[in-house]
Amino acid sequence: MAKQLLVVFGATGNQGGSVAHAVLDDHALSQRYAVRAVTRNTSNPKAQDLKSRGAEVISANMDDPSSLPAALHRADFVFAVTVTSYDGNTRAIETRQATALIDEAVAQGASYIIWSSMSHPATASGGKLTHVDSFDVKAEIETYLRKQPVRSAFFAPGTFMQNFTSSMAPRLSPTGDGSYVLANLLRAESRQPLIDITDAGAWVAAILAHPDRYEGRFFAAAERMYSQAEIVDVLSRVSGKTVRHVQVGDEVYKGFLPEAVRDVLFDMYLWIRDYGYFGEGTEGDVQWAREQVRGRLTSLEEFLRKIGWGLE
């Protein structure tokens, strides 16, 4: 039987790369799907690695609609993700890119689109949180896709474990005792879903293995829910340093944030604290999605040790 063509956008990025490798490295899926890896730069070593594993590699840019027809030609299944832009225009940029891609995929006769989606803070909070554009726009794209004449399923990642190397890294305590502080708006017991984003393919592979079963389903994707207390325990154990969690008052924390991203980050942490990241039912949704994965997931401790994370 002829293989179905899976077109993976962002194939040299974390999510797309994980999806492409998950299919190419899975005996059953690699027999069922041919992979077309779409990237802006086909000479990228990651693109060449995919080519060496049997993927077709093609150049396209989601900001250039004229490049999409060739990328989507004969596509049966499509995986795609839009990348957040931190210049204040991400809603317009992602909407433009996504609608162009979805419309072209439908025009080309694709039968199934797997979209990297997200929860919708503006709606779920009853209009209280209106600045988390990077979440809202992906949820709005999902709504648009669900109205199109094509089957679909949705992969929605939790908080990236990778953030502990940058924006979520603990800071040296001002007490001068050599300890570190993870300071945010969350309570010690506040739980958030964490994911090594390079595990994305474990959920998408499950959809590809059983597309009929998962049509229309939303995967709240995380290795598991972690409380802030659990997180600092792991950070302490891996780093060999004392890491404490400190809940900061709302207005004090807001004052710490860079002006350019203040409203976005503030609303995002309120969303996690007061609504659970994926909204009502977050705990159950994460557990269900975790039970569907095809492959093994990476824990926070495993991730940190894998990358050689530490505190100086």
Protein backbone atom coordinates (compact mmCIF):
# COMPACT_ATOMS: atom_id res chain seq x y z
CA MET A 1 0.00 0.00 0.00
CA ALA A 2 1.31 3.45 -0.90
CA LYS A 3 2.46 5.59 1.99
CA GLN A 4 0.50 8.67 3.01
CA LEU A 5 2.44 11.91 2.82
CA LEU A 6 2.98 13.74 6.11
CA VAL A 7 4.16 17.32 5.63
CA VAL A 8 5.92 18.69 8.72
CA PHE A 9 6.40 22.44 8.97
CA GLY A 10 9.17 23.79 11.18
CA ALA A 11 10.98 20.49 10.72
CA THR A 12 14.27 21.84 12.06
CA GLY A 13 12.63 23.38 15.13
CA ASN A 14 11.85 21.69 18.43
CA GLN A 15 8.27 20.68 17.72
CA GLY A 16 8.46 19.92 14.02
CA GLY A 17 11.81 18.17 14.41
CA SER A 18 10.44 15.99 17.17
CA VAL A 19 7.45 15.03 15.02
CA ALA A 20 9.58 14.20 11.98
CA HIS A 21 11.98 12.07 14.02
CA ALA A 22 9.14 10.34 15.87
CA VAL A 23 7.72 9.11 12.57
CA LEU A 24 11.04 8.26 10.90
CA ASP A 25 12.25 6.36 13.97
CA ASP A 26 9.01 4.41 14.52
CA HIS A 27 8.94 1.23 12.44
CA ALA A 28 5.15 1.10 12.08
CA LEU A 29 4.69 4.81 11.37
CA SER A 30 7.62 4.96 8.94
CA GLN A 31 5.95 2.19 6.95
CA ARG A 32 2.70 4.12 6.89
CA TYR A 33 3.89 7.69 6.28
CA ALA A 34 6.41 9.36 4.00
CA VAL A 35 7.78 12.52 5.61
CA ARG A 36 8.26 15.83 3.83
CA ALA A 37 10.28 18.12 6.09
CA VAL A 38 9.61 21.81 5.47
CA THR A 39 12.21 24.36 6.54
CA ARG A 40 13.38 27.78 5.43
CA ASN A 41 16.96 26.55 5.07
CA THR A 42 17.44 23.12 3.51
CA SER A 43 21.21 23.26 4.09
CA ASN A 44 20.67 23.36 7.85
CA PRO A 45 22.47 20.36 9.44
CA LYS A 46 19.20 19.31 11.08
CA ALA A 47 17.50 19.31 7.68
CA GLN A 48 20.32 17.27 6.20
CA ASP A 49 20.03 14.79 9.07
CA LEU A 50 16.35 14.32 8.30
CA LYS A 51 17.20 13.81 4.65
CA SER A 52 19.73 11.14 5.58
CA ARG A 53 16.99 9.36 7.52
CA GLY A 54 14.71 9.24 4.50
CA ALA A 55 12.72 12.47 4.63
CA GLU A 56 12.12 14.65 1.62
CA VAL A 57 13.41 18.13 2.49
CA ILE A 58 11.84 21.19 0.91
CA SER A 59 12.19 24.93 1.44
CA ALA A 60 9.16 27.07 2.30
CA ASN A 61 8.41 30.07 4.48
CA MET A 62 5.07 30.56 6.21
CA ASP A 63 5.50 34.30 5.66
CA ASP A 64 5.65 33.68 1.89
CA PRO A 65 2.31 32.24 0.73
CA SER A 66 3.74 31.63 -2.75
CA SER A 67 6.03 28.96 -1.25
CA LEU A 68 3.18 26.96 0.27
CA PRO A 69 1.68 25.20 -2.79
CA ALA A 70 4.88 23.26 -3.49
CA ALA A 71 5.31 22.39 0.18
CA LEU A 72 1.75 21.06 0.42
CA HIS A 73 1.49 19.38 -2.96
CA ARG A 74 -0.08 15.90 -2.53
CA ALA A 75 -0.14 16.29 1.27
CA ASP A 76 -2.36 13.84 3.13
CA PHE A 77 -1.45 14.85 6.70
CA VAL A 78 0.05 18.14 7.87
CA PHE A 79 1.69 19.11 11.15
CA ALA A 80 2.23 22.83 11.66
CA VAL A 81 3.07 25.35 14.34
CA THR A 82 3.29 29.14 14.40
CA VAL A 83 6.11 30.72 16.37
CA THR A 84 5.47 33.51 18.85
CA SER A 85 6.83 36.91 17.86
CA TYR A 86 7.80 39.13 20.79
CA ASP A 87 7.49 42.44 18.94
CA GLY A 88 3.88 43.01 19.96
CA ASN A 89 2.48 41.83 16.62
CA THR A 90 2.28 38.09 17.18
CA ARG A 91 -1.50 37.91 16.83
CA ALA A 92 -1.45 39.46 13.36
CA ILE A 93 1.62 37.53 12.23
CA GLU A 94 0.48 34.11 13.43
CA THR A 95 -3.05 34.60 12.13
CA ARG A 96 -1.77 35.56 8.69
CA GLN A 97 0.63 32.63 8.54
CA ALA A 98 -1.85 30.06 9.86
CA THR A 99 -4.81 31.00 7.69
CA ALA A 100 -2.64 31.00 4.57
CA LEU A 101 -1.28 27.55 5.41
CA ILE A 102 -4.64 26.05 6.36
CA ASP A 103 -6.37 27.48 3.29
CA GLU A 104 -3.66 26.13 1.00
CA ALA A 105 -3.67 22.71 2.66
CA VAL A 106 -7.43 22.47 2.15
CA ALA A 107 -7.11 23.65 -1.45
CA GLN A 108 -4.45 21.00 -2.07
CA GLY A 109 -6.76 18.29 -0.73
CA ALA A 110 -5.06 17.47 2.58
CA SER A 111 -7.24 15.17 4.65
CA TYR A 112 -5.94 15.87 8.17
CA ILE A 113 -4.16 18.76 9.92
CA ILE A 114 -2.50 18.44 13.31
CA TRP A 115 -2.14 21.93 14.74
CA SER A 116 0.04 23.12 17.60
CA SER A 117 -2.62 24.91 19.62
CA MET A 118 -3.04 26.43 23.07
CA SER A 119 -5.62 27.31 25.71
CA HIS A 120 -7.62 30.56 25.42
CA PRO A 121 -7.07 32.77 28.49
CA ALA A 122 -9.14 35.70 27.23
CA THR A 123 -12.26 33.57 26.85
CA ALA A 124 -11.76 31.17 29.76
CA SER A 125 -11.12 34.04 32.19
CA GLY A 126 -14.29 35.80 31.12
CA GLY A 127 -12.30 38.65 29.62
CA LYS A 128 -10.17 39.30 32.72
CA LEU A 129 -6.90 38.28 31.08
CA THR A 130 -6.50 39.88 27.68
CA HIS A 131 -2.75 40.13 27.14
CA VAL A 132 -1.69 36.52 26.56
CA ASP A 133 -1.77 36.92 22.80
CA SER A 134 0.66 34.04 22.19
CA PHE A 135 -1.89 31.65 23.73
CA ASP A 136 -5.09 33.29 22.50
CA VAL A 137 -4.06 33.47 18.86
CA LYS A 138 -3.24 29.76 18.70
CA ALA A 139 -6.62 28.93 20.22
CA GLU A 140 -8.29 31.22 17.69
CA ILE A 141 -6.45 29.47 14.87
CA GLU A 142 -7.79 26.19 16.26
CA THR A 143 -11.32 27.58 16.10
CA TYR A 144 -10.75 28.62 12.49
CA LEU A 145 -9.37 25.21 11.58
CA ARG A 146 -12.27 23.35 13.17
CA LYS A 147 -14.63 25.14 10.74
CA GLN A 148 -12.74 24.01 7.62
CA PRO A 149 -13.60 20.95 5.50
CA VAL A 150 -10.67 18.91 6.81
CA ARG A 151 -10.16 16.59 9.76
CA SER A 152 -7.98 17.90 12.57
CA ALA A 153 -6.46 17.26 15.99
CA PHE A 154 -4.62 19.57 18.36
CA PHE A 155 -1.35 19.30 20.25
CA ALA A 156 -1.08 21.95 22.99
CA PRO A 157 2.20 22.00 24.94
CA GLY A 158 2.54 22.97 28.58
CA THR A 159 5.32 25.15 29.99
CA PHE A 160 8.60 24.29 28.30
CA MET A 161 11.23 22.80 30.61
CA GLN A 162 13.70 24.68 28.42
CA ASN A 163 12.55 27.89 30.13
CA PHE A 164 14.54 26.94 33.23
CA THR A 165 17.65 27.83 31.25
CA SER A 166 16.39 31.37 30.59
CA SER A 167 13.30 33.25 31.76
CA MET A 168 12.44 30.80 34.57
CA ALA A 169 15.97 30.28 35.85
CA PRO A 170 16.31 30.80 39.64
CA ARG A 171 18.14 33.96 40.71
CA LEU A 172 20.81 34.28 43.35
CA SER A 173 19.20 35.15 46.68
CA PRO A 174 19.78 38.71 47.93
CA THR A 175 20.43 37.28 51.41
CA GLY A 176 23.99 36.50 50.35
CA ASP A 177 23.86 32.97 51.75
CA GLY A 178 24.55 31.32 48.38
CA SER A 179 20.99 30.08 47.94
CA TYR A 180 18.76 30.70 44.92
CA VAL A 181 15.19 31.89 44.57
CA LEU A 182 12.49 30.93 42.10
CA ALA A 183 10.18 33.93 42.46
CA ASN A 184 6.82 34.23 40.72
CA LEU A 185 3.10 34.79 41.34
CA LEU A 186 2.38 31.14 42.03
CA ARG A 187 1.69 29.53 45.38
CA ALA A 188 3.95 26.73 46.60
CA GLU A 189 1.16 24.28 45.83
CA SER A 190 0.32 25.83 42.45
CA ARG A 191 0.78 23.16 39.80
CA GLN A 192 1.79 23.74 36.22
CA PRO A 193 2.22 21.32 33.31
CA LEU A 194 5.85 20.89 32.24
CA ILE A 195 7.09 19.43 28.96
CA ASP A 196 10.44 18.88 27.34
CA ILE A 197 9.27 20.33 24.04
CA THR A 198 11.52 17.95 22.12
CA ASP A 199 9.08 15.23 23.27
CA ALA A 200 6.31 16.76 21.14
CA GLY A 201 6.44 13.85 18.71
CA ALA A 202 5.24 11.41 21.37
CA TRP A 203 1.75 12.92 21.27
CA VAL A 204 1.65 13.61 17.54
CA ALA A 205 2.80 10.05 16.84
CA ALA A 206 -0.20 8.80 18.82
CA ILE A 207 -2.52 10.88 16.63
CA LEU A 208 -0.85 9.61 13.47
CA ALA A 209 -1.16 6.02 14.67
CA HIS A 210 -4.91 6.43 15.30
CA PRO A 211 -6.18 9.49 13.39
CA ASP A 212 -9.82 8.41 13.47
CA ARG A 213 -9.75 7.88 17.23
CA TYR A 214 -8.29 11.31 17.92
CA GLU A 215 -10.07 13.44 15.34
CA GLY A 216 -11.12 16.71 16.98
CA ARG A 217 -9.28 15.95 20.25
CA PHE A 218 -7.20 18.48 22.17
CA PHE A 219 -4.02 17.13 23.76
CA ALA A 220 -3.00 19.08 26.88
CA ALA A 221 0.57 17.88 26.53
CA ALA A 222 2.89 17.64 29.54
CA GLU A 223 5.08 15.05 31.19
CA ARG A 224 3.02 15.80 34.30
CA MET A 225 1.83 18.55 36.61
CA TYR A 226 4.47 19.92 39.01
CA SER A 227 3.88 22.08 42.08
CA GLN A 228 6.31 24.93 42.71
CA ALA A 229 7.54 23.04 45.77
CA GLU A 230 8.30 19.99 43.63
CA ILE A 231 10.08 22.12 41.04
CA VAL A 232 12.48 23.70 43.52
CA ASP A 233 13.18 20.29 45.04
CA VAL A 234 14.27 19.04 41.63
CA LEU A 235 16.28 22.20 40.91
CA SER A 236 18.05 21.85 44.25
CA ARG A 237 18.81 18.18 43.75
CA VAL A 238 20.22 18.63 40.25
CA SER A 239 22.22 21.80 40.96
CA GLY A 240 23.48 20.85 44.42
CA LYS A 241 22.37 24.32 45.55
CA THR A 242 19.53 25.38 47.81
CA VAL A 243 16.65 26.68 45.69
CA ARG A 244 13.59 28.15 47.40
CA HIS A 245 10.27 29.16 45.91
CA VAL A 246 8.93 32.59 46.84
CA GLN A 247 5.47 33.83 45.96
CA VAL A 248 5.63 37.52 45.17
CA GLY A 249 2.70 39.92 45.51
CA ASP A 250 0.93 40.78 42.29
CA GLU A 251 1.91 44.44 42.01
CA VAL A 252 5.44 43.83 43.30
CA TYR A 253 5.99 41.11 40.73
CA LYS A 254 4.56 43.22 37.95
CA GLY A 255 7.09 45.90 38.82
CA PHE A 256 9.95 43.42 38.35
CA LEU A 257 8.98 42.62 34.76
CA PRO A 258 10.49 44.35 31.71
CA GLU A 259 8.06 46.93 30.41
CA ALA A 260 7.96 45.45 26.88
CA VAL A 261 6.55 42.12 28.12
CA ARG A 262 5.10 43.17 31.48
CA ASP A 263 1.41 42.75 30.71
CA VAL A 264 1.93 39.50 28.81
CA LEU A 265 3.99 37.77 31.50
CA PHE A 266 1.84 39.09 34.33
CA ASP A 267 -1.38 37.79 32.77
CA MET A 268 0.31 34.50 31.88
CA TYR A 269 1.23 33.81 35.50
CA LEU A 270 -2.23 34.83 36.67
CA TRP A 271 -3.62 32.37 34.12
CA ILE A 272 -1.49 29.54 35.50
CA ARG A 273 -2.23 30.42 39.13
CA ASP A 274 -5.95 31.09 38.90
CA TYR A 275 -7.09 28.98 35.93
CA GLY A 276 -4.61 26.12 35.64
CA TYR A 277 -2.87 26.78 32.30
CA PHE A 278 -5.34 24.76 30.23
CA GLY A 279 -8.37 26.16 32.01
CA GLU A 280 -11.04 24.19 33.85
CA GLY A 281 -10.16 20.52 34.02
CA THR A 282 -6.42 21.02 33.49
CA GLU A 283 -5.38 18.15 35.79
CA GLY A 284 -7.64 15.61 34.11
CA ASP A 285 -6.84 16.85 30.61
CA VAL A 286 -3.10 16.52 31.20
CA GLN A 287 -3.51 13.04 32.65
CA TRP A 288 -5.63 11.89 29.71
CA ALA A 289 -3.16 13.24 27.15
CA ARG A 290 -0.25 11.64 29.01
CA GLU A 291 -1.95 8.26 28.80
CA GLN A 292 -2.16 8.50 25.00
CA VAL A 293 1.53 9.08 24.23
CA ARG A 294 3.45 6.84 21.87
CA GLY A 295 6.92 6.68 23.34
CA ARG A 296 8.65 7.76 26.53
CA LEU A 297 8.46 11.19 28.13
CA THR A 298 11.26 13.12 29.82
CA SER A 299 10.86 14.16 33.47
CA LEU A 300 12.10 17.55 34.69
CA GLU A 301 15.03 15.96 36.49
CA GLU A 302 15.97 13.90 33.46
CA PHE A 303 15.79 16.97 31.24
CA LEU A 304 18.01 19.08 33.48
CA ARG A 305 20.60 16.34 33.82
CA LYS A 306 20.50 15.69 30.07
CA ILE A 307 21.48 19.27 29.26
CA GLY A 308 24.00 19.58 32.09
CA TRP A 309 21.99 22.28 33.84
CA GLY A 310 23.42 23.92 36.91
CA LEU A 311 23.65 27.11 38.97
CA GLU A 312 26.85 29.13 39.37
